[in-house]
C-alpha atoms as a PDB file:
ATOM      1  CA  UNK A   1     -18.648  11.519   2.405  1.00  0.00           C
ATOM      2  CA  UNK A   2     -16.340   9.748  -0.058  1.00  0.00           C
ATOM      3  CA  UNK A   3     -14.653   6.270   0.681  1.00  0.00           C
ATOM      4  CA  UNK A   4     -11.231   5.998  -1.724  1.00  0.00           C
ATOM      5  CA  UNK A   5     -10.865   3.066  -2.852  1.00  0.00           C
ATOM      6  CA  UNK A   6      -7.663   1.408  -2.771  1.00  0.00           C
ATOM      7  CA  UNK A   7      -6.425  -0.990  -5.596  1.00  0.00           C
ATOM      8  CA  UNK A   8      -4.512  -3.548  -5.452  1.00  0.00           C
ATOM      9  CA  UNK A   9      -1.140  -2.904  -7.098  1.00  0.00           C
ATOM     10  CA  UNK A  10      -1.706  -6.717  -9.406  1.00  0.00           C
ATOM     11  CA  UNK A  11      -4.664  -6.178 -10.191  1.00  0.00           C
ATOM     12  CA  UNK A  12      -4.060  -1.996 -11.341  1.00  0.00           C
ATOM     13  CA  UNK A  13      -1.117  -3.391 -13.646  1.00  0.00           C
ATOM     14  CA  UNK A  14      -2.924  -5.926 -15.142  1.00  0.00           C
ATOM     15  CA  UNK A  15      -5.571  -3.248 -16.145  1.00  0.00           C
ATOM     16  CA  UNK A  16      -3.048  -0.948 -17.050  1.00  0.00           C
ATOM     17  CA  UNK A  17      -1.430  -3.783 -19.172  1.00  0.00           C
ATOM     18  CA  UNK A  18      -4.900  -4.308 -20.723  1.00  0.00           C
ATOM     19  CA  UNK A  19      -5.585  -1.034 -21.569  1.00  0.00           C
ATOM     20  CA  UNK A  20      -2.381  -0.411 -23.966  1.00  0.00           C
ATOM     21  CA  UNK A  21      -2.701  -3.966 -25.560  1.00  0.00           C
ATOM     22  CA  UNK A  22      -6.706  -3.210 -26.325  1.00  0.00           C
ATOM     23  CA  UNK A  23      -7.752   0.030 -26.417  1.00  0.00           C
ATOM     24  CA  UNK A  24      -9.870   1.098 -29.855  1.00  0.00           C
ATOM     25  CA  UNK A  25      -7.432   3.991 -29.837  1.00  0.00           C
ATOM     26  CA  UNK A  26      -4.501   1.540 -30.760  1.00  0.00           C
ATOM     27  CA  UNK A  27      -6.455  -0.587 -32.968  1.00  0.00           C
ATOM     28  CA  UNK A  28      -8.358  -3.103 -30.627  1.00  0.00           C
ATOM     29  CA  UNK A  29     -12.248  -4.094 -30.929  1.00  0.00           C
ATOM     30  CA  UNK A  30     -14.311  -2.189 -29.002  1.00  0.00           C
ATOM     31  CA  UNK A  31     -16.645  -4.337 -27.925  1.00  0.00           C
ATOM     32  CA  UNK A  32     -14.149  -6.633 -26.667  1.00  0.00           C
ATOM     33  CA  UNK A  33     -12.251  -4.039 -24.946  1.00  0.00           C
ATOM     34  CA  UNK A  34     -15.661  -2.997 -22.916  1.00  0.00           C
ATOM     35  CA  UNK A  35     -16.263  -6.375 -22.118  1.00  0.00           C
ATOM     36  CA  UNK A  36     -12.716  -6.922 -20.741  1.00  0.00           C
ATOM     37  CA  UNK A  37     -12.420  -4.333 -18.785  1.00  0.00           C
ATOM     38  CA  UNK A  38     -15.937  -4.617 -17.023  1.00  0.00           C
ATOM     39  CA  UNK A  39     -14.754  -8.728 -16.091  1.00  0.00           C
ATOM     40  CA  UNK A  40     -11.142  -6.797 -15.019  1.00  0.00           C
ATOM     41  CA  UNK A  41     -13.177  -4.447 -13.036  1.00  0.00           C
ATOM     42  CA  UNK A  42     -15.870  -6.880 -11.145  1.00  0.00           C
ATOM     43  CA  UNK A  43     -13.178  -8.857  -9.747  1.00  0.00           C
ATOM     44  CA  UNK A  44     -11.806  -6.661  -7.525  1.00  0.00           C
ATOM     45  CA  UNK A  45     -13.455  -6.080  -4.503  1.00  0.00           C
ATOM     46  CA  UNK A  46     -15.013  -2.216  -3.812  1.00  0.00           C
ATOM     47  CA  UNK A  47     -15.912  -1.513  -0.220  1.00  0.00           C
ATOM     48  CA  UNK A  48     -13.727  -4.195   1.458  1.00  0.00           C
ATOM     49  CA  UNK A  49     -12.481  -1.594   4.393  1.00  0.00           C
ATOM     50  CA  UNK A  50     -15.045  -1.038   7.391  1.00  0.00           C
ATOM     51  CA  UNK A  51     -16.288   2.156   6.879  1.00  0.00           C
ATOM     52  CA  UNK A  52     -16.231   4.458   9.900  1.00  0.00           C
ATOM     53  CA  UNK A  53     -18.879   7.398  11.065  1.00  0.00           C
ATOM     54  CA  UNK A  54     -17.487  10.093  13.226  1.00  0.00           C
ATOM     55  CA  UNK A  55     -19.653  12.580  14.452  1.00  0.00           C
ATOM     56  CA  UNK A  56     -17.865  16.371  15.028  1.00  0.00           C
ATOM     57  CA  UNK A  57     -20.282  18.438  17.000  1.00  0.00           C
ATOM     58  CA  UNK A  58     -21.221  22.259  15.498  1.00  0.00           C
ATOM     59  CA  UNK A  59     -22.003  25.123  16.510  1.00  0.00           C
ATOM     60  CA  UNK A  60     -20.535  26.603  19.844  1.00  0.00           C
ATOM     61  CA  UNK A  61     -19.709  23.241  20.784  1.00  0.00           C
ATOM     62  CA  UNK A  62     -17.612  22.541  17.976  1.00  0.00           C
ATOM     63  CA  UNK A  63     -15.713  25.343  18.334  1.00  0.00           C
ATOM     64  CA  UNK A  64     -14.871  24.917  21.796  1.00  0.00           C
ATOM     65  CA  UNK A  65     -14.003  21.596  21.027  1.00  0.00           C
ATOM     66  CA  UNK A  66     -12.030  22.531  18.306  1.00  0.00           C
ATOM     67  CA  UNK A  67      -9.972  25.207  20.400  1.00  0.00           C
ATOM     68  CA  UNK A  68      -9.410  22.640  23.413  1.00  0.00           C
ATOM     69  CA  UNK A  69      -7.977  20.179  20.555  1.00  0.00           C
ATOM     70  CA  UNK A  70      -5.921  23.083  19.230  1.00  0.00           C
ATOM     71  CA  UNK A  71      -4.396  23.589  22.630  1.00  0.00           C
ATOM     72  CA  UNK A  72      -3.896  20.098  23.446  1.00  0.00           C
ATOM     73  CA  UNK A  73      -1.917  19.608  20.671  1.00  0.00           C
ATOM     74  CA  UNK A  74      -0.080  22.865  21.119  1.00  0.00           C
ATOM     75  CA  UNK A  75       1.290  21.265  24.739  1.00  0.00           C
ATOM     76  CA  UNK A  76       2.412  17.959  23.595  1.00  0.00           C
ATOM     77  CA  UNK A  77       5.884  17.605  22.958  1.00  0.00           C
ATOM     78  CA  UNK A  78       7.070  17.240  18.866  1.00  0.00           C
ATOM     79  CA  UNK A  79       7.099  14.211  17.365  1.00  0.00           C
ATOM     80  CA  UNK A  80      10.577  14.265  15.631  1.00  0.00           C
ATOM     81  CA  UNK A  81      13.161  12.530  18.062  1.00  0.00           C
END
């Protein structure tokens, strides 16, 4: 299971600006670029969201549960008002 990492928009903006200015393809120093990028990436929290483990029954029990849930959703009124 992969956990999606949401970055702060300001952090993302800072990293993109740094890359545009210091990338080796546009004349930047490769060592300085790698060090600066590592420093910017180290400043963010990767796993700050809680991790939720969901158990989904398999086999006949899972199939019956999915059918029951689908029928229950069909009986609900529409969410659009």
